[in-house]
Amino acid sequence: MNFGRVSTAMATPFDQYNHIDYSRLENLINHLIDNGTDSLVVAGTTGESPTLSSKEKIELFKATVDIVNGRVPVVAGTGTNNTESSISLSLAAKDAGVDAIMLVAPYYSKPSQAGLKKHFEEIANHAGLPVMIYNIPGRSAVNIEPETIIELSKVPNIVAVKEASGSLDQMTEIIAGTDDQFSVYSGDDGLTLPLLSIGGAGVVSVTSHVAGNEMQKMISCFLNGELSKAASIHQLLLPLTRALFAQPSPSPVKSALNHQGILCGGVRLPLVELDQNEEIELLNAVSHFQTAMSRIS
């Protein structure tokens, strides 16, 4: 399964009533595919999955598959802290025609490593789709240890991990302990270039909503040996990424997209939209990034 170099964890567009807006969804998907996105993750954290009902998620999977129409792989976020519910949602996603599923570490429950391993194995075996595991201890309160990921990589359809532990040491252990068919993606935009340097595959990104082509350019420069230029782009992307995460995501990225005319609406509670000062700071960061990037040939 090839997720590409830049996979976008897609925001879920809402209308003025905070219902999913499928017209805006089509515009957003086309924008992302036209601007550097190699694959789409639907109903992940950036897609406000905690506030989406199972029915909404399934409808969102179906609509995304229809709109994408085979142009890029569609990855459905089907992981929960309930193994049986995750299996059911994964099977529904399969019926909707998605190409793969993403399974987050079970949040709140804080299972042992043995429990994590069994959880992911059960879902993978039932779903029969390529699986990307999502390790994000800052949100799930449990870290999937490298040894566990290495063991899970032996399950035939567990093919990748989105690593958001922030630990390059942990990522290095996983890369060293898995075969070349298993891919390690950064779950932190700011670690994309460092991860590439130790053998990682790419990034599952939020920043790519507004800087997908620039992220692709950075990666291409690195792969082509233009290390200084890759580093320069990385240095410009970092403050943009920080601005996009200065407030709880996806409030900033939705604000940036709305400002660019890619309408995504607001966010559902308990998230709130940016206030005026926060929005000014964000838009200044976007403007500064675009101006600085224009100087890099």
Protein backbone atom coordinates (compact mmCIF):
# COMPACT_ATOMS: atom_id res chain seq x y z
CA MET A 1 0.00 0.00 0.00
CA ASN A 2 1.52 3.31 -1.09
CA PHE A 3 0.26 6.33 0.86
CA GLY A 4 2.74 8.62 -0.90
CA ARG A 5 5.01 11.14 0.78
CA VAL A 6 2.37 13.65 1.96
CA SER A 7 -0.89 12.28 3.33
CA THR A 8 -3.33 14.92 4.53
CA ALA A 9 -5.34 14.39 7.70
CA MET A 10 -8.34 16.16 6.21
CA ALA A 11 -10.57 18.62 8.03
CA THR A 12 -14.32 17.97 7.86
CA PRO A 13 -16.15 20.94 6.30
CA PHE A 14 -19.31 22.09 8.05
CA ASP A 15 -22.12 24.42 7.01
CA GLN A 16 -23.53 27.26 9.13
CA TYR A 17 -25.42 24.72 11.24
CA ASN A 18 -22.31 22.58 11.83
CA HIS A 19 -23.65 19.80 9.60
CA ILE A 20 -21.24 18.16 7.17
CA ASP A 21 -21.27 20.21 3.96
CA TYR A 22 -20.67 17.88 1.03
CA SER A 23 -20.32 20.67 -1.52
CA ARG A 24 -17.53 22.18 0.56
CA LEU A 25 -16.07 18.69 0.98
CA GLU A 26 -15.73 18.35 -2.78
CA ASN A 27 -14.02 21.73 -3.04
CA LEU A 28 -11.61 20.85 -0.23
CA ILE A 29 -10.74 17.45 -1.67
CA ASN A 30 -10.05 18.92 -5.10
CA HIS A 31 -7.93 21.67 -3.52
CA LEU A 32 -5.86 19.13 -1.60
CA ILE A 33 -5.33 16.78 -4.55
CA ASP A 34 -4.35 19.74 -6.75
CA ASN A 35 -1.89 20.99 -4.14
CA GLY A 36 0.43 18.20 -3.12
CA THR A 37 -1.71 15.64 -1.29
CA ASP A 38 -0.85 12.01 -2.13
CA SER A 39 -3.55 10.40 0.06
CA LEU A 40 -6.37 11.49 2.34
CA VAL A 41 -7.12 10.49 5.92
CA VAL A 42 -10.84 10.97 6.61
CA ALA A 43 -12.44 11.31 10.06
CA GLY A 44 -9.18 11.50 11.96
CA THR A 45 -8.50 13.92 14.79
CA THR A 46 -8.22 16.82 12.35
CA GLY A 47 -11.56 15.72 10.93
CA GLU A 48 -13.07 16.17 14.42
CA SER A 49 -13.77 12.47 14.74
CA PRO A 50 -14.75 12.69 18.44
CA THR A 51 -17.76 14.81 17.45
CA LEU A 52 -18.83 12.75 14.41
CA SER A 53 -21.42 10.02 14.87
CA SER A 54 -20.78 6.61 13.33
CA LYS A 55 -23.50 7.36 10.78
CA GLU A 56 -21.79 10.62 9.82
CA LYS A 57 -18.43 8.90 9.51
CA ILE A 58 -19.80 6.25 7.16
CA GLU A 59 -21.53 8.88 5.03
CA LEU A 60 -18.29 10.88 4.98
CA PHE A 61 -16.31 7.81 3.87
CA LYS A 62 -18.77 7.12 1.04
CA ALA A 63 -18.81 10.73 -0.14
CA THR A 64 -15.02 11.03 -0.08
CA VAL A 65 -14.56 7.82 -2.06
CA ASP A 66 -17.06 9.06 -4.65
CA ILE A 67 -15.47 12.50 -4.96
CA VAL A 68 -11.89 11.20 -5.07
CA ASN A 69 -12.86 8.68 -7.76
CA GLY A 70 -9.60 6.77 -7.54
CA ARG A 71 -7.28 9.77 -7.83
CA VAL A 72 -5.56 9.14 -4.49
CA PRO A 73 -5.91 6.52 -1.74
CA VAL A 74 -8.60 7.18 0.88
CA VAL A 75 -7.77 6.16 4.44
CA ALA A 76 -10.66 5.96 6.93
CA GLY A 77 -10.10 6.77 10.58
CA THR A 78 -11.92 3.88 12.23
CA GLY A 79 -10.02 3.41 15.47
CA THR A 80 -11.75 3.89 18.82
CA ASN A 81 -11.13 2.68 22.38
CA ASN A 82 -13.68 -0.10 21.82
CA THR A 83 -12.34 -2.99 19.77
CA GLU A 84 -15.75 -4.30 18.68
CA SER A 85 -16.91 -0.83 17.63
CA SER A 86 -13.68 -0.33 15.69
CA ILE A 87 -14.24 -3.62 13.85
CA SER A 88 -17.81 -2.63 12.95
CA LEU A 89 -16.76 0.80 11.71
CA SER A 90 -13.84 -0.69 9.77
CA LEU A 91 -16.15 -3.13 8.01
CA ALA A 92 -18.53 -0.28 7.14
CA ALA A 93 -15.58 1.71 5.79
CA LYS A 94 -14.58 -1.28 3.68
CA ASP A 95 -18.11 -1.46 2.28
CA ALA A 96 -17.86 2.28 1.52
CA GLY A 97 -14.88 1.55 -0.73
CA VAL A 98 -11.98 3.05 1.22
CA ASP A 99 -8.46 1.88 0.41
CA ALA A 100 -7.13 1.54 3.97
CA ILE A 101 -7.93 2.29 7.60
CA MET A 102 -6.14 4.19 10.33
CA LEU A 103 -6.36 2.89 13.88
CA VAL A 104 -5.48 5.20 16.75
CA ALA A 105 -4.22 3.79 20.04
CA PRO A 106 -7.20 3.19 22.35
CA TYR A 107 -7.54 6.44 24.29
CA TYR A 108 -8.60 6.75 27.94
CA SER A 109 -8.50 2.99 28.56
CA LYS A 110 -4.68 2.93 28.84
CA PRO A 111 -4.28 -0.76 27.86
CA SER A 112 -1.06 -2.71 28.35
CA GLN A 113 1.24 -3.45 25.42
CA ALA A 114 -0.32 -6.92 25.25
CA GLY A 115 -3.78 -5.34 25.12
CA LEU A 116 -2.69 -2.92 22.39
CA LYS A 117 -1.25 -5.73 20.32
CA LYS A 118 -4.43 -7.82 20.60
CA HIS A 119 -6.64 -4.80 19.84
CA PHE A 120 -4.86 -3.99 16.57
CA GLU A 121 -4.56 -7.63 15.52
CA GLU A 122 -8.28 -8.23 16.01
CA ILE A 123 -9.31 -5.23 13.94
CA ALA A 124 -6.76 -5.92 11.19
CA ASN A 125 -7.80 -9.57 10.91
CA HIS A 126 -11.50 -8.73 10.67
CA ALA A 127 -11.20 -5.71 8.39
CA GLY A 128 -8.99 -7.25 5.73
CA LEU A 129 -7.78 -3.80 4.61
CA PRO A 130 -4.32 -2.24 4.79
CA VAL A 131 -3.86 -0.74 8.26
CA MET A 132 -1.92 2.31 9.40
CA ILE A 133 -1.52 2.37 13.18
CA TYR A 134 -1.62 5.82 14.80
CA ASN A 135 0.55 6.32 17.88
CA ILE A 136 -0.18 9.59 19.65
CA PRO A 137 0.50 9.27 23.38
CA GLY A 138 -0.24 12.95 23.99
CA ARG A 139 -3.91 12.31 23.16
CA SER A 140 -4.36 8.62 23.92
CA ALA A 141 -2.38 8.56 27.22
CA VAL A 142 -0.60 5.38 26.13
CA ASN A 143 2.54 4.92 24.04
CA ILE A 144 2.73 2.01 21.62
CA GLU A 145 6.28 0.87 22.29
CA PRO A 146 8.63 0.14 19.37
CA GLU A 147 8.70 -3.57 20.21
CA THR A 148 4.91 -3.70 19.92
CA ILE A 149 4.91 -1.92 16.55
CA ILE A 150 7.64 -4.27 15.30
CA GLU A 151 5.56 -7.29 16.31
CA LEU A 152 2.43 -5.82 14.72
CA SER A 153 4.31 -5.18 11.47
CA LYS A 154 4.39 -8.95 11.01
CA VAL A 155 0.60 -8.98 10.57
CA PRO A 156 0.33 -9.02 6.75
CA ASN A 157 -2.09 -6.10 6.37
CA ILE A 158 -0.57 -3.84 9.05
CA VAL A 159 1.61 -1.84 6.70
CA ALA A 160 2.45 1.49 8.34
CA VAL A 161 2.49 3.59 11.48
CA LYS A 162 1.79 7.27 11.94
CA GLU A 163 4.22 8.14 14.72
CA ALA A 164 3.28 11.19 16.77
CA SER A 165 5.30 10.34 19.85
CA GLY A 166 7.74 13.11 18.94
CA SER A 167 10.63 10.72 19.54
CA LEU A 168 13.09 10.24 16.70
CA ASP A 169 14.75 7.56 18.82
CA GLN A 170 11.50 5.60 18.88
CA MET A 171 11.01 6.08 15.13
CA THR A 172 14.56 4.90 14.50
CA GLU A 173 13.95 1.73 16.52
CA ILE A 174 10.83 0.98 14.51
CA ILE A 175 12.50 1.57 11.14
CA ALA A 176 15.48 -0.57 12.15
CA GLY A 177 13.25 -3.39 13.43
CA THR A 178 10.78 -3.62 10.53
CA ASP A 179 11.26 -4.70 6.94
CA ASP A 180 11.33 -2.37 3.94
CA GLN A 181 7.65 -3.00 3.18
CA PHE A 182 6.59 -1.33 6.44
CA SER A 183 6.38 2.48 6.39
CA VAL A 184 6.90 4.97 9.19
CA TYR A 185 5.14 8.33 8.78
CA SER A 186 5.56 11.35 10.98
CA GLY A 187 2.46 12.52 12.79
CA ASP A 188 4.22 15.80 13.53
CA ASP A 189 4.68 18.14 10.56
CA GLY A 190 7.81 19.63 12.10
CA LEU A 191 9.59 16.26 12.15
CA THR A 192 9.03 15.42 8.47
CA LEU A 193 12.54 16.26 7.31
CA PRO A 194 14.33 14.72 10.31
CA LEU A 195 12.29 11.53 9.86
CA LEU A 196 13.20 11.31 6.17
CA SER A 197 16.86 11.50 7.15
CA ILE A 198 16.55 8.32 9.26
CA GLY A 199 14.60 6.36 6.66
CA GLY A 200 10.99 7.41 7.21
CA ALA A 201 8.43 7.44 4.41
CA GLY A 202 6.80 10.87 4.81
CA VAL A 203 4.16 12.66 6.85
CA VAL A 204 0.49 12.52 7.71
CA SER A 205 0.04 16.25 7.70
CA VAL A 206 -2.21 19.08 8.78
CA THR A 207 0.04 21.82 7.39
CA SER A 208 -0.46 20.36 3.90
CA HIS A 209 -3.94 21.95 3.84
CA VAL A 210 -2.19 25.26 3.18
CA ALA A 211 1.35 24.27 2.15
CA GLY A 212 1.10 20.88 0.44
CA ASN A 213 3.14 21.82 -2.62
CA GLU A 214 5.84 23.36 -0.45
CA MET A 215 6.04 20.21 1.66
CA GLN A 216 6.39 18.16 -1.50
CA LYS A 217 9.13 20.50 -2.68
CA MET A 218 11.02 20.06 0.59
CA ILE A 219 10.79 16.29 0.31
CA SER A 220 11.84 16.31 -3.35
CA CYS A 221 14.84 18.50 -2.54
CA PHE A 222 15.90 16.08 0.19
CA LEU A 223 15.51 13.03 -2.04
CA ASN A 224 17.43 14.74 -4.85
CA GLY A 225 20.33 15.61 -2.55
CA GLU A 226 19.54 19.34 -2.36
CA LEU A 227 19.90 19.24 1.40
CA SER A 228 20.49 22.94 1.97
CA LYS A 229 17.34 23.88 0.07
CA ALA A 230 15.35 21.20 1.89
CA ALA A 231 16.58 22.59 5.20
CA SER A 232 15.63 26.14 4.18
CA ILE A 233 12.07 25.07 3.36
CA HIS A 234 11.86 23.12 6.63
CA GLN A 235 12.93 26.25 8.52
CA LEU A 236 10.14 28.24 6.86
CA LEU A 237 7.52 25.54 7.39
CA LEU A 238 8.21 25.22 11.11
CA PRO A 239 6.76 28.60 12.24
CA LEU A 240 3.77 28.05 9.95
CA THR A 241 3.15 24.67 11.55
CA ARG A 242 3.46 26.16 15.02
CA ALA A 243 0.88 28.80 14.08
CA LEU A 244 -1.48 26.12 12.82
CA PHE A 245 -1.23 24.38 16.20
CA ALA A 246 -1.14 27.47 18.43
CA GLN A 247 -4.79 26.76 19.25
CA PRO A 248 -6.53 23.37 19.38
CA SER A 249 -6.63 21.81 15.91
CA PRO A 250 -8.40 22.07 13.49
CA SER A 251 -9.61 25.56 14.46
CA PRO A 252 -6.53 27.31 12.99
CA VAL A 253 -6.36 25.32 9.77
CA LYS A 254 -10.08 25.82 9.13
CA SER A 255 -9.61 29.55 9.69
CA ALA A 256 -6.71 29.64 7.24
CA LEU A 257 -8.67 27.70 4.62
CA ASN A 258 -11.75 29.91 5.04
CA HIS A 259 -9.56 32.98 4.52
CA GLN A 260 -8.23 31.46 1.29
CA GLY A 261 -11.74 30.86 -0.01
CA ILE A 262 -11.67 27.09 0.64
CA LEU A 263 -14.71 27.23 2.88
CA CYS A 264 -14.77 24.73 5.75
CA GLY A 265 -17.03 26.45 8.25
CA GLY A 266 -16.42 26.38 11.96
CA VAL A 267 -15.74 23.68 14.54
CA ARG A 268 -17.98 21.66 16.85
CA LEU A 269 -17.86 22.05 20.61
CA PRO A 270 -15.90 21.51 22.75
CA LEU A 271 -13.59 23.22 20.22
CA VAL A 272 -14.14 26.91 19.53
CA GLU A 273 -13.19 29.16 16.66
CA LEU A 274 -10.26 31.58 16.84
CA ASP A 275 -10.80 35.01 18.31
CA GLN A 276 -9.79 38.09 16.34
CA ASN A 277 -6.27 38.36 17.76
CA GLU A 278 -5.60 34.66 17.26
CA GLU A 279 -6.79 34.87 13.66
CA ILE A 280 -4.58 37.89 12.94
CA GLU A 281 -1.53 36.07 14.31
CA LEU A 282 -2.32 33.01 12.20
CA LEU A 283 -2.89 34.92 8.97
CA ASN A 284 0.32 36.89 9.54
CA ALA A 285 2.21 33.60 9.82
CA VAL A 286 0.63 32.30 6.60
CA SER A 287 1.46 35.53 4.77
CA HIS A 288 5.05 35.54 6.05
CA PHE A 289 5.51 31.94 4.93
CA GLN A 290 4.16 32.60 1.45
CA THR A 291 6.36 35.68 1.02
CA ALA A 292 9.47 33.85 2.22
CA MET A 293 8.79 30.81 0.03
CA SER A 294 8.51 33.02 -3.05
CA ARG A 295 12.19 33.87 -2.58
CA ILE A 296 13.29 30.21 -2.81
CA SER A 297 13.86 29.24 -6.43
